[in-house]
Amino acid sequence: MDVRVVLAILNSGLLNRYYRIISLEAGRALAQVDIDVLEDLPFKRPSAEDERELLDLVGQRQGGAPNPELTNWLEVLVERAYAP
């Protein structure tokens, strides 16, 4: 799997919310990433089609100004991987 897809998933709002809930780091002074918690994050690989689309969207976002529409579509693709 392309590292850009992995980073898109790890930096998604979905995994950020999940991490904050299980790590209890939100709102703490000097909060740090807990490797044990990071290793326990559920990681789902998107479908091949969604993976290609994630790569395309990540490419469009790189080096450009923040684009809420692209960000929202990235979130949809990541959440779709976790949907039952």
N, C-alpha and C. Protein backbone atom coordinates (compact mmCIF):
# COMPACT_ATOMS: atom_id res chain seq x y z
N MET A 1 0.85 -1.17 0.00
CA MET A 1 0.00 0.00 0.00
C MET A 1 0.89 1.23 0.00
N ASP A 2 0.51 2.21 -0.76
CA ASP A 2 1.26 3.46 -0.87
C ASP A 2 1.22 4.20 0.48
N VAL A 3 2.36 4.73 0.88
CA VAL A 3 2.47 5.42 2.16
C VAL A 3 1.55 6.64 2.21
N ARG A 4 1.25 7.24 1.08
CA ARG A 4 0.34 8.40 1.07
C ARG A 4 -1.08 7.99 1.46
N VAL A 5 -1.48 6.78 1.10
CA VAL A 5 -2.80 6.28 1.52
C VAL A 5 -2.79 6.03 3.03
N VAL A 6 -1.72 5.44 3.52
CA VAL A 6 -1.59 5.19 4.96
C VAL A 6 -1.68 6.51 5.72
N LEU A 7 -0.96 7.52 5.26
CA LEU A 7 -0.98 8.82 5.93
C LEU A 7 -2.35 9.48 5.84
N ALA A 8 -3.02 9.34 4.71
CA ALA A 8 -4.37 9.90 4.57
C ALA A 8 -5.31 9.27 5.60
N ILE A 9 -5.19 7.97 5.80
CA ILE A 9 -6.04 7.27 6.77
C ILE A 9 -5.68 7.68 8.19
N LEU A 10 -4.38 7.68 8.51
CA LEU A 10 -3.95 8.03 9.86
C LEU A 10 -4.27 9.48 10.22
N ASN A 11 -4.27 10.37 9.22
CA ASN A 11 -4.57 11.78 9.47
C ASN A 11 -6.04 12.13 9.27
N SER A 12 -6.87 11.13 9.04
CA SER A 12 -8.29 11.40 8.82
C SER A 12 -8.96 11.81 10.14
N GLY A 13 -10.06 12.51 9.98
CA GLY A 13 -10.84 12.90 11.15
C GLY A 13 -11.34 11.69 11.92
N LEU A 14 -11.71 10.64 11.20
CA LEU A 14 -12.22 9.43 11.85
C LEU A 14 -11.19 8.82 12.80
N LEU A 15 -9.98 8.59 12.31
CA LEU A 15 -8.96 8.00 13.19
C LEU A 15 -8.48 8.98 14.25
N ASN A 16 -8.48 10.28 13.95
CA ASN A 16 -8.13 11.26 14.97
C ASN A 16 -9.14 11.24 16.12
N ARG A 17 -10.43 11.18 15.80
CA ARG A 17 -11.45 11.11 16.85
C ARG A 17 -11.30 9.84 17.66
N TYR A 18 -11.09 8.73 16.98
CA TYR A 18 -10.92 7.45 17.66
C TYR A 18 -9.70 7.48 18.58
N TYR A 19 -8.59 8.01 18.07
CA TYR A 19 -7.36 8.08 18.86
C TYR A 19 -7.57 8.92 20.12
N ARG A 20 -8.23 10.05 19.96
CA ARG A 20 -8.46 10.93 21.12
C ARG A 20 -9.31 10.24 22.19
N ILE A 21 -10.27 9.46 21.76
CA ILE A 21 -11.13 8.75 22.72
C ILE A 21 -10.34 7.70 23.48
N ILE A 22 -9.55 6.90 22.77
CA ILE A 22 -8.87 5.78 23.45
C ILE A 22 -7.57 6.19 24.14
N SER A 23 -6.98 7.31 23.72
CA SER A 23 -5.69 7.69 24.32
C SER A 23 -5.84 8.59 25.54
N LEU A 24 -6.97 9.25 25.66
CA LEU A 24 -7.22 10.18 26.76
C LEU A 24 -6.19 11.32 26.80
N GLU A 25 -5.63 11.67 25.64
CA GLU A 25 -4.63 12.74 25.56
C GLU A 25 -5.26 14.10 25.26
N ALA A 26 -6.49 14.13 24.78
CA ALA A 26 -7.10 15.40 24.38
C ALA A 26 -7.16 16.36 25.56
N GLY A 27 -6.73 17.59 25.31
CA GLY A 27 -6.81 18.62 26.33
C GLY A 27 -5.71 18.58 27.38
N ARG A 28 -4.81 17.63 27.29
CA ARG A 28 -3.72 17.53 28.27
C ARG A 28 -2.55 18.40 27.83
N ALA A 29 -1.92 19.02 28.81
CA ALA A 29 -0.71 19.78 28.50
C ALA A 29 0.38 18.79 28.11
N LEU A 30 1.15 19.13 27.09
CA LEU A 30 2.25 18.30 26.61
C LEU A 30 1.78 16.89 26.20
N ALA A 31 0.62 16.82 25.57
CA ALA A 31 0.12 15.53 25.10
C ALA A 31 1.11 14.93 24.11
N GLN A 32 1.27 13.63 24.16
CA GLN A 32 2.22 12.93 23.30
C GLN A 32 1.53 11.77 22.60
N VAL A 33 2.08 11.36 21.48
CA VAL A 33 1.56 10.19 20.78
C VAL A 33 2.02 8.95 21.53
N ASP A 34 1.08 8.12 21.88
CA ASP A 34 1.37 6.88 22.60
C ASP A 34 1.49 5.76 21.56
N ILE A 35 2.69 5.22 21.40
CA ILE A 35 2.95 4.21 20.38
C ILE A 35 2.07 2.97 20.58
N ASP A 36 1.85 2.56 21.83
CA ASP A 36 1.00 1.39 22.08
C ASP A 36 -0.42 1.63 21.58
N VAL A 37 -0.94 2.82 21.80
CA VAL A 37 -2.28 3.15 21.32
C VAL A 37 -2.28 3.22 19.79
N LEU A 38 -1.25 3.82 19.23
CA LEU A 38 -1.14 3.92 17.77
C LEU A 38 -1.12 2.53 17.13
N GLU A 39 -0.40 1.61 17.74
CA GLU A 39 -0.33 0.24 17.21
C GLU A 39 -1.68 -0.46 17.27
N ASP A 40 -2.53 -0.05 18.20
CA ASP A 40 -3.84 -0.69 18.36
C ASP A 40 -4.94 -0.07 17.51
N LEU A 41 -4.61 0.98 16.76
CA LEU A 41 -5.63 1.59 15.91
C LEU A 41 -6.12 0.58 14.89
N PRO A 42 -7.43 0.51 14.68
CA PRO A 42 -7.93 -0.38 13.64
C PRO A 42 -7.60 0.20 12.27
N PHE A 43 -6.95 -0.57 11.44
CA PHE A 43 -6.53 -0.07 10.14
C PHE A 43 -7.21 -0.89 9.06
N LYS A 44 -8.04 -0.25 8.27
CA LYS A 44 -8.77 -0.91 7.19
C LYS A 44 -8.27 -0.40 5.86
N ARG A 45 -7.96 -1.32 4.98
CA ARG A 45 -7.51 -0.92 3.64
C ARG A 45 -8.74 -0.61 2.78
N PRO A 46 -8.73 0.55 2.12
CA PRO A 46 -9.84 0.89 1.22
C PRO A 46 -9.87 -0.05 0.02
N SER A 47 -10.99 -0.06 -0.66
CA SER A 47 -11.08 -0.85 -1.88
C SER A 47 -10.04 -0.30 -2.87
N ALA A 48 -9.71 -1.10 -3.86
CA ALA A 48 -8.70 -0.68 -4.85
C ALA A 48 -9.13 0.61 -5.54
N GLU A 49 -10.40 0.73 -5.85
CA GLU A 49 -10.90 1.94 -6.51
C GLU A 49 -10.78 3.16 -5.60
N ASP A 50 -11.18 2.99 -4.33
CA ASP A 50 -11.08 4.10 -3.38
C ASP A 50 -9.61 4.45 -3.09
N GLU A 51 -8.76 3.44 -3.08
CA GLU A 51 -7.33 3.69 -2.86
C GLU A 51 -6.75 4.56 -3.99
N ARG A 52 -7.12 4.25 -5.22
CA ARG A 52 -6.66 5.06 -6.36
C ARG A 52 -7.19 6.49 -6.25
N GLU A 53 -8.45 6.61 -5.83
CA GLU A 53 -9.04 7.94 -5.71
C GLU A 53 -8.39 8.73 -4.56
N LEU A 54 -8.09 8.03 -3.46
CA LEU A 54 -7.37 8.69 -2.35
C LEU A 54 -6.03 9.24 -2.83
N LEU A 55 -5.30 8.43 -3.59
CA LEU A 55 -4.01 8.87 -4.11
C LEU A 55 -4.16 10.10 -5.00
N ASP A 56 -5.18 10.10 -5.82
CA ASP A 56 -5.43 11.24 -6.69
C ASP A 56 -5.73 12.49 -5.88
N LEU A 57 -6.58 12.36 -4.87
CA LEU A 57 -6.94 13.50 -4.03
C LEU A 57 -5.75 14.01 -3.22
N VAL A 58 -4.95 13.08 -2.69
CA VAL A 58 -3.75 13.48 -1.95
C VAL A 58 -2.82 14.25 -2.88
N GLY A 59 -2.66 13.79 -4.11
CA GLY A 59 -1.83 14.49 -5.08
C GLY A 59 -2.33 15.90 -5.36
N GLN A 60 -3.65 16.06 -5.42
CA GLN A 60 -4.23 17.38 -5.65
C GLN A 60 -4.01 18.31 -4.46
N ARG A 61 -3.99 17.74 -3.26
CA ARG A 61 -3.83 18.56 -2.05
C ARG A 61 -2.38 18.95 -1.79
N GLN A 62 -1.44 18.16 -2.25
CA GLN A 62 -0.03 18.42 -1.95
C GLN A 62 0.40 19.76 -2.50
N GLY A 63 0.97 20.58 -1.62
CA GLY A 63 1.53 21.85 -2.04
C GLY A 63 0.52 22.92 -2.36
N GLY A 64 -0.75 22.61 -2.27
CA GLY A 64 -1.76 23.61 -2.58
C GLY A 64 -2.41 24.16 -1.33
N ALA A 65 -3.23 25.15 -1.54
CA ALA A 65 -3.97 25.74 -0.43
C ALA A 65 -5.01 24.73 0.05
N PRO A 66 -5.35 24.77 1.34
CA PRO A 66 -6.39 23.86 1.85
C PRO A 66 -7.67 23.99 1.03
N ASN A 67 -8.24 22.86 0.72
CA ASN A 67 -9.47 22.83 -0.07
C ASN A 67 -10.49 21.98 0.68
N PRO A 68 -11.50 22.63 1.27
CA PRO A 68 -12.48 21.89 2.08
C PRO A 68 -13.20 20.79 1.30
N GLU A 69 -13.44 21.03 0.03
CA GLU A 69 -14.13 20.02 -0.78
C GLU A 69 -13.28 18.75 -0.91
N LEU A 70 -11.98 18.91 -1.18
CA LEU A 70 -11.08 17.75 -1.26
C LEU A 70 -10.98 17.05 0.09
N THR A 71 -10.87 17.84 1.15
CA THR A 71 -10.77 17.27 2.50
C THR A 71 -12.01 16.46 2.82
N ASN A 72 -13.18 16.99 2.52
CA ASN A 72 -14.43 16.27 2.78
C ASN A 72 -14.49 14.97 2.01
N TRP A 73 -14.06 14.98 0.75
CA TRP A 73 -14.11 13.76 -0.06
C TRP A 73 -13.09 12.73 0.45
N LEU A 74 -11.93 13.18 0.92
CA LEU A 74 -10.96 12.27 1.54
C LEU A 74 -11.59 11.58 2.75
N GLU A 75 -12.29 12.36 3.56
CA GLU A 75 -12.94 11.81 4.75
C GLU A 75 -14.00 10.77 4.37
N VAL A 76 -14.76 11.05 3.32
CA VAL A 76 -15.79 10.10 2.86
C VAL A 76 -15.14 8.78 2.45
N LEU A 77 -14.05 8.86 1.70
CA LEU A 77 -13.39 7.64 1.24
C LEU A 77 -12.82 6.82 2.39
N VAL A 78 -12.24 7.50 3.38
CA VAL A 78 -11.71 6.78 4.54
C VAL A 78 -12.85 6.15 5.34
N GLU A 79 -13.90 6.91 5.59
CA GLU A 79 -15.02 6.37 6.36
C GLU A 79 -15.69 5.21 5.64
N ARG A 80 -15.69 5.24 4.33
CA ARG A 80 -16.29 4.14 3.56
C ARG A 80 -15.52 2.83 3.79
N ALA A 81 -14.22 2.93 4.01
CA ALA A 81 -13.42 1.71 4.28
C ALA A 81 -13.82 1.07 5.61
N TYR A 82 -14.30 1.89 6.54
CA TYR A 82 -14.65 1.39 7.88
C TYR A 82 -16.15 1.06 8.02
N ALA A 83 -16.94 1.40 7.02
CA ALA A 83 -18.37 1.12 7.08
C ALA A 83 -18.62 -0.39 6.96
N PRO A 84 -19.57 -0.88 7.71
CA PRO A 84 -19.86 -2.35 7.63
C PRO A 84 -20.41 -2.76 6.28
